[in-house]
N, C-alpha and C. Protein backbone atom coordinates (compact mmCIF):
# COMPACT_ATOMS: atom_id res chain seq x y z
N MET A 1 -11.84 7.38 10.39
CA MET A 1 -11.79 6.61 9.16
C MET A 1 -11.33 7.49 8.00
N LYS A 2 -11.66 8.77 8.04
CA LYS A 2 -11.28 9.67 6.96
C LYS A 2 -9.76 9.82 6.86
N ASN A 3 -9.07 9.86 8.03
CA ASN A 3 -7.61 9.97 8.02
C ASN A 3 -6.97 8.76 7.36
N ILE A 4 -7.57 7.59 7.58
CA ILE A 4 -7.05 6.37 6.95
C ILE A 4 -7.16 6.50 5.44
N GLY A 5 -8.29 6.95 4.97
CA GLY A 5 -8.49 7.14 3.53
C GLY A 5 -7.52 8.15 2.96
N LEU A 6 -7.30 9.23 3.69
CA LEU A 6 -6.35 10.25 3.23
C LEU A 6 -4.94 9.68 3.16
N ARG A 7 -4.59 8.86 4.13
CA ARG A 7 -3.26 8.24 4.11
C ARG A 7 -3.14 7.29 2.92
N MET A 8 -4.20 6.53 2.65
CA MET A 8 -4.19 5.63 1.48
C MET A 8 -4.00 6.42 0.19
N GLU A 9 -4.76 7.50 0.07
CA GLU A 9 -4.67 8.33 -1.13
C GLU A 9 -3.28 8.94 -1.29
N THR A 10 -2.72 9.41 -0.20
CA THR A 10 -1.38 10.01 -0.24
C THR A 10 -0.34 8.98 -0.67
N LEU A 11 -0.41 7.78 -0.10
CA LEU A 11 0.52 6.72 -0.48
C LEU A 11 0.40 6.39 -1.96
N ARG A 12 -0.83 6.28 -2.43
CA ARG A 12 -1.06 5.96 -3.84
C ARG A 12 -0.48 7.05 -4.74
N LYS A 13 -0.77 8.30 -4.41
CA LYS A 13 -0.30 9.41 -5.23
C LYS A 13 1.22 9.56 -5.18
N ASN A 14 1.82 9.29 -4.02
CA ASN A 14 3.27 9.37 -3.90
C ASN A 14 3.97 8.35 -4.79
N MET A 15 3.30 7.23 -5.07
CA MET A 15 3.86 6.23 -5.99
C MET A 15 3.43 6.49 -7.42
N HIS A 16 2.70 7.59 -7.63
CA HIS A 16 2.21 7.96 -8.96
C HIS A 16 1.35 6.87 -9.58
N LEU A 17 0.49 6.28 -8.74
CA LEU A 17 -0.41 5.23 -9.20
C LEU A 17 -1.82 5.79 -9.35
N THR A 18 -2.50 5.36 -10.38
CA THR A 18 -3.87 5.79 -10.59
C THR A 18 -4.81 4.95 -9.74
N PRO A 19 -6.00 5.47 -9.45
CA PRO A 19 -6.99 4.65 -8.74
C PRO A 19 -7.30 3.36 -9.51
N GLU A 20 -7.30 3.45 -10.82
CA GLU A 20 -7.58 2.27 -11.65
C GLU A 20 -6.52 1.18 -11.46
N ALA A 21 -5.25 1.58 -11.40
CA ALA A 21 -4.17 0.61 -11.23
C ALA A 21 -4.26 -0.07 -9.87
N VAL A 22 -4.49 0.72 -8.82
CA VAL A 22 -4.56 0.14 -7.47
C VAL A 22 -5.81 -0.72 -7.31
N SER A 23 -6.92 -0.28 -7.84
CA SER A 23 -8.14 -1.08 -7.72
C SER A 23 -8.01 -2.39 -8.50
N SER A 24 -7.32 -2.36 -9.61
CA SER A 24 -7.08 -3.58 -10.37
C SER A 24 -6.19 -4.53 -9.57
N TYR A 25 -5.15 -4.00 -8.95
CA TYR A 25 -4.26 -4.79 -8.08
C TYR A 25 -5.06 -5.41 -6.94
N LEU A 26 -5.95 -4.63 -6.34
CA LEU A 26 -6.75 -5.11 -5.21
C LEU A 26 -7.93 -5.98 -5.63
N GLU A 27 -8.20 -5.97 -6.94
CA GLU A 27 -9.33 -6.71 -7.50
C GLU A 27 -10.66 -6.24 -6.92
N ILE A 28 -10.80 -4.90 -6.87
CA ILE A 28 -12.05 -4.29 -6.41
C ILE A 28 -12.43 -3.20 -7.41
N PRO A 29 -13.70 -2.80 -7.43
CA PRO A 29 -14.09 -1.70 -8.32
C PRO A 29 -13.41 -0.38 -7.92
N VAL A 30 -13.13 0.44 -8.91
CA VAL A 30 -12.50 1.74 -8.66
C VAL A 30 -13.33 2.55 -7.67
N GLU A 31 -14.65 2.47 -7.80
CA GLU A 31 -15.54 3.23 -6.91
C GLU A 31 -15.33 2.84 -5.46
N ASP A 32 -15.09 1.55 -5.19
CA ASP A 32 -14.85 1.10 -3.81
C ASP A 32 -13.56 1.69 -3.27
N LEU A 33 -12.52 1.70 -4.09
CA LEU A 33 -11.24 2.29 -3.65
C LEU A 33 -11.42 3.77 -3.35
N LEU A 34 -12.09 4.49 -4.24
CA LEU A 34 -12.29 5.92 -4.03
C LEU A 34 -13.15 6.17 -2.79
N ASP A 35 -14.14 5.31 -2.54
CA ASP A 35 -14.94 5.44 -1.32
C ASP A 35 -14.10 5.21 -0.08
N MET A 36 -13.17 4.27 -0.14
CA MET A 36 -12.26 4.04 0.99
C MET A 36 -11.39 5.26 1.22
N GLU A 37 -10.88 5.84 0.14
CA GLU A 37 -10.03 7.02 0.26
C GLU A 37 -10.79 8.23 0.80
N LYS A 38 -12.09 8.29 0.52
CA LYS A 38 -12.92 9.39 1.02
C LYS A 38 -13.46 9.12 2.42
N GLY A 39 -13.18 7.93 2.95
CA GLY A 39 -13.65 7.59 4.28
C GLY A 39 -15.10 7.15 4.31
N LYS A 40 -15.66 6.82 3.16
CA LYS A 40 -17.06 6.40 3.08
C LYS A 40 -17.22 4.89 3.20
N LYS A 41 -16.12 4.16 3.10
CA LYS A 41 -16.18 2.71 3.14
C LYS A 41 -15.00 2.18 3.94
N ASN A 42 -15.25 1.18 4.79
CA ASN A 42 -14.19 0.57 5.57
C ASN A 42 -13.32 -0.32 4.70
N ILE A 43 -12.06 -0.45 5.10
CA ILE A 43 -11.18 -1.37 4.40
C ILE A 43 -11.19 -2.70 5.15
N THR A 44 -11.08 -3.78 4.39
CA THR A 44 -11.04 -5.11 5.00
C THR A 44 -9.61 -5.45 5.39
N LEU A 45 -9.45 -6.48 6.18
CA LEU A 45 -8.13 -6.93 6.57
C LEU A 45 -7.33 -7.37 5.35
N SER A 46 -7.98 -8.01 4.42
CA SER A 46 -7.32 -8.45 3.20
C SER A 46 -6.79 -7.26 2.39
N ILE A 47 -7.63 -6.24 2.24
CA ILE A 47 -7.22 -5.03 1.52
C ILE A 47 -6.08 -4.35 2.26
N LEU A 48 -6.18 -4.28 3.58
CA LEU A 48 -5.13 -3.67 4.39
C LEU A 48 -3.80 -4.37 4.17
N ASN A 49 -3.80 -5.69 4.18
CA ASN A 49 -2.57 -6.45 3.97
C ASN A 49 -1.99 -6.22 2.58
N GLN A 50 -2.86 -6.16 1.58
CA GLN A 50 -2.39 -5.91 0.22
C GLN A 50 -1.81 -4.51 0.08
N LEU A 51 -2.45 -3.52 0.71
CA LEU A 51 -1.94 -2.15 0.65
C LEU A 51 -0.60 -2.02 1.36
N CYS A 52 -0.47 -2.69 2.49
CA CYS A 52 0.81 -2.65 3.22
C CYS A 52 1.93 -3.23 2.38
N ALA A 53 1.65 -4.32 1.68
CA ALA A 53 2.67 -4.91 0.82
C ALA A 53 3.00 -3.99 -0.35
N LEU A 54 1.99 -3.39 -0.95
CA LEU A 54 2.22 -2.52 -2.10
C LEU A 54 3.01 -1.26 -1.70
N PHE A 55 2.64 -0.65 -0.59
CA PHE A 55 3.25 0.62 -0.18
C PHE A 55 4.44 0.44 0.77
N ARG A 56 4.74 -0.81 1.11
CA ARG A 56 5.86 -1.14 2.01
C ARG A 56 5.76 -0.39 3.33
N CYS A 57 4.63 -0.57 3.97
CA CYS A 57 4.41 0.08 5.26
C CYS A 57 3.68 -0.87 6.20
N SER A 58 3.61 -0.49 7.45
CA SER A 58 2.94 -1.31 8.45
C SER A 58 1.44 -1.03 8.46
N GLU A 59 0.72 -1.96 9.06
CA GLU A 59 -0.72 -1.76 9.25
C GLU A 59 -0.95 -0.53 10.11
N SER A 60 -0.10 -0.36 11.12
CA SER A 60 -0.23 0.78 12.03
C SER A 60 -0.10 2.10 11.30
N TYR A 61 0.74 2.13 10.27
CA TYR A 61 0.91 3.37 9.52
C TYR A 61 -0.36 3.71 8.74
N ILE A 62 -0.89 2.74 8.00
CA ILE A 62 -2.11 3.01 7.23
C ILE A 62 -3.27 3.35 8.15
N LEU A 63 -3.34 2.68 9.30
CA LEU A 63 -4.44 2.91 10.24
C LEU A 63 -4.22 4.16 11.11
N CYS A 64 -3.18 4.93 10.80
CA CYS A 64 -2.88 6.19 11.49
C CYS A 64 -2.59 6.00 12.98
N ARG A 65 -2.04 4.84 13.32
CA ARG A 65 -1.64 4.58 14.71
C ARG A 65 -0.16 4.84 14.92
N SER A 66 0.55 5.05 13.80
CA SER A 66 1.98 5.31 13.82
C SER A 66 2.33 6.22 12.66
N ASP A 67 3.36 7.00 12.84
CA ASP A 67 3.85 7.84 11.76
C ASP A 67 5.18 7.33 11.22
N GLU A 68 5.59 6.14 11.68
CA GLU A 68 6.85 5.56 11.25
C GLU A 68 6.66 4.94 9.86
N PHE A 69 7.39 5.48 8.90
CA PHE A 69 7.27 5.02 7.51
C PHE A 69 8.60 5.19 6.82
N ASP A 70 9.02 4.13 6.14
CA ASP A 70 10.27 4.12 5.38
C ASP A 70 9.90 3.93 3.91
N PRO A 71 9.66 5.03 3.20
CA PRO A 71 9.16 4.89 1.82
C PRO A 71 10.16 4.21 0.91
N ALA A 72 9.62 3.42 0.01
CA ALA A 72 10.45 2.73 -0.98
C ALA A 72 10.78 3.70 -2.11
N ALA A 73 11.95 3.55 -2.65
CA ALA A 73 12.35 4.39 -3.79
C ALA A 73 12.42 3.52 -5.03
N PHE A 74 11.41 3.64 -5.89
CA PHE A 74 11.38 2.88 -7.13
C PHE A 74 11.54 3.83 -8.30
N VAL A 75 12.20 3.33 -9.31
CA VAL A 75 12.30 4.07 -10.55
C VAL A 75 11.75 3.16 -11.64
N PHE A 76 10.70 3.63 -12.30
CA PHE A 76 10.09 2.85 -13.36
C PHE A 76 10.55 3.38 -14.71
N ARG A 77 10.92 2.48 -15.58
CA ARG A 77 11.35 2.88 -16.91
C ARG A 77 10.20 2.92 -17.89
N SER A 78 9.07 2.46 -17.46
CA SER A 78 7.90 2.41 -18.33
C SER A 78 6.95 3.53 -17.93
N SER A 79 6.21 4.01 -18.90
CA SER A 79 5.24 5.06 -18.59
C SER A 79 3.94 4.48 -18.06
N SER A 80 3.79 3.17 -18.14
CA SER A 80 2.57 2.55 -17.62
C SER A 80 2.94 1.37 -16.72
N ILE A 81 2.15 1.19 -15.69
CA ILE A 81 2.38 0.11 -14.75
C ILE A 81 1.18 -0.82 -14.83
N GLU A 82 1.45 -2.08 -15.03
CA GLU A 82 0.41 -3.09 -15.13
C GLU A 82 0.15 -3.72 -13.77
N THR A 83 -0.98 -4.39 -13.65
CA THR A 83 -1.33 -5.06 -12.40
C THR A 83 -0.26 -6.08 -12.00
N ASP A 84 0.28 -6.80 -12.97
CA ASP A 84 1.33 -7.77 -12.68
C ASP A 84 2.56 -7.08 -12.09
N ASP A 85 2.85 -5.87 -12.55
CA ASP A 85 3.97 -5.12 -12.00
C ASP A 85 3.73 -4.81 -10.53
N LEU A 86 2.50 -4.42 -10.19
CA LEU A 86 2.17 -4.11 -8.80
C LEU A 86 2.24 -5.36 -7.94
N GLN A 87 1.84 -6.50 -8.49
CA GLN A 87 1.96 -7.76 -7.76
C GLN A 87 3.44 -8.05 -7.47
N GLY A 88 4.30 -7.81 -8.45
CA GLY A 88 5.74 -8.01 -8.26
C GLY A 88 6.32 -7.07 -7.23
N ILE A 89 5.93 -5.81 -7.28
CA ILE A 89 6.40 -4.83 -6.29
C ILE A 89 5.95 -5.24 -4.90
N ALA A 90 4.69 -5.64 -4.78
CA ALA A 90 4.16 -6.06 -3.47
C ALA A 90 4.91 -7.29 -2.95
N GLY A 91 5.23 -8.22 -3.84
CA GLY A 91 5.98 -9.40 -3.43
C GLY A 91 7.37 -9.05 -2.91
N MET A 92 8.05 -8.16 -3.61
CA MET A 92 9.37 -7.72 -3.15
C MET A 92 9.27 -6.98 -1.82
N ASN A 93 8.25 -6.17 -1.68
CA ASN A 93 8.06 -5.43 -0.43
C ASN A 93 7.76 -6.36 0.73
N ARG A 94 7.01 -7.44 0.48
CA ARG A 94 6.74 -8.43 1.54
C ARG A 94 8.04 -9.05 2.02
N ILE A 95 8.91 -9.40 1.06
CA ILE A 95 10.22 -9.96 1.42
C ILE A 95 11.00 -8.96 2.26
N TYR A 96 11.03 -7.70 1.83
CA TYR A 96 11.74 -6.65 2.57
C TYR A 96 11.19 -6.52 3.99
N LEU A 97 9.86 -6.43 4.12
CA LEU A 97 9.25 -6.26 5.43
C LEU A 97 9.51 -7.46 6.34
N ASN A 98 9.48 -8.66 5.78
CA ASN A 98 9.77 -9.86 6.58
C ASN A 98 11.22 -9.87 7.03
N MET A 99 12.15 -9.50 6.13
CA MET A 99 13.56 -9.45 6.52
C MET A 99 13.80 -8.39 7.58
N LYS A 100 13.14 -7.25 7.46
CA LYS A 100 13.27 -6.18 8.45
C LYS A 100 12.78 -6.66 9.81
N TYR A 101 11.64 -7.36 9.81
CA TYR A 101 11.07 -7.88 11.05
C TYR A 101 12.02 -8.90 11.68
N LEU A 102 12.53 -9.83 10.88
CA LEU A 102 13.42 -10.87 11.41
C LEU A 102 14.72 -10.27 11.93
N THR A 103 15.26 -9.29 11.23
CA THR A 103 16.48 -8.63 11.69
C THR A 103 16.26 -7.95 13.02
N LYS A 104 15.12 -7.29 13.17
CA LYS A 104 14.79 -6.63 14.43
C LYS A 104 14.67 -7.64 15.55
N LYS A 105 14.03 -8.78 15.29
CA LYS A 105 13.88 -9.83 16.30
C LYS A 105 15.23 -10.41 16.70
N MET A 106 16.14 -10.55 15.74
CA MET A 106 17.46 -11.07 16.05
C MET A 106 18.26 -10.09 16.89
N ASP A 107 18.03 -8.78 16.67
CA ASP A 107 18.75 -7.75 17.42
C ASP A 107 18.21 -7.59 18.84
N ASP A 108 16.96 -7.99 19.06
CA ASP A 108 16.34 -7.84 20.40
C ASP A 108 16.84 -8.82 21.39
């Protein structure tokens, strides 16, 4: 469970997001997010799905079952990111992940 938390923390930091921003996006207390990152608290399926959308990765990647990850390259022009911005990023990432999945299925 600790590796999962470390992976969550790494993904968050790589996007230069604060624990406060991610916890607001997830609609959970900051302490819960930090406990998940420290491996002291399990993540729910709902949280897992939201994190996958935000970080544009698979469940297997966050759960440390796979190392396959295609990081998104975002450039923000603002010095602060609001919760609505994270919702928008997650929505775009869901579209990307769905298109990637459908393209793979069509190629198979």
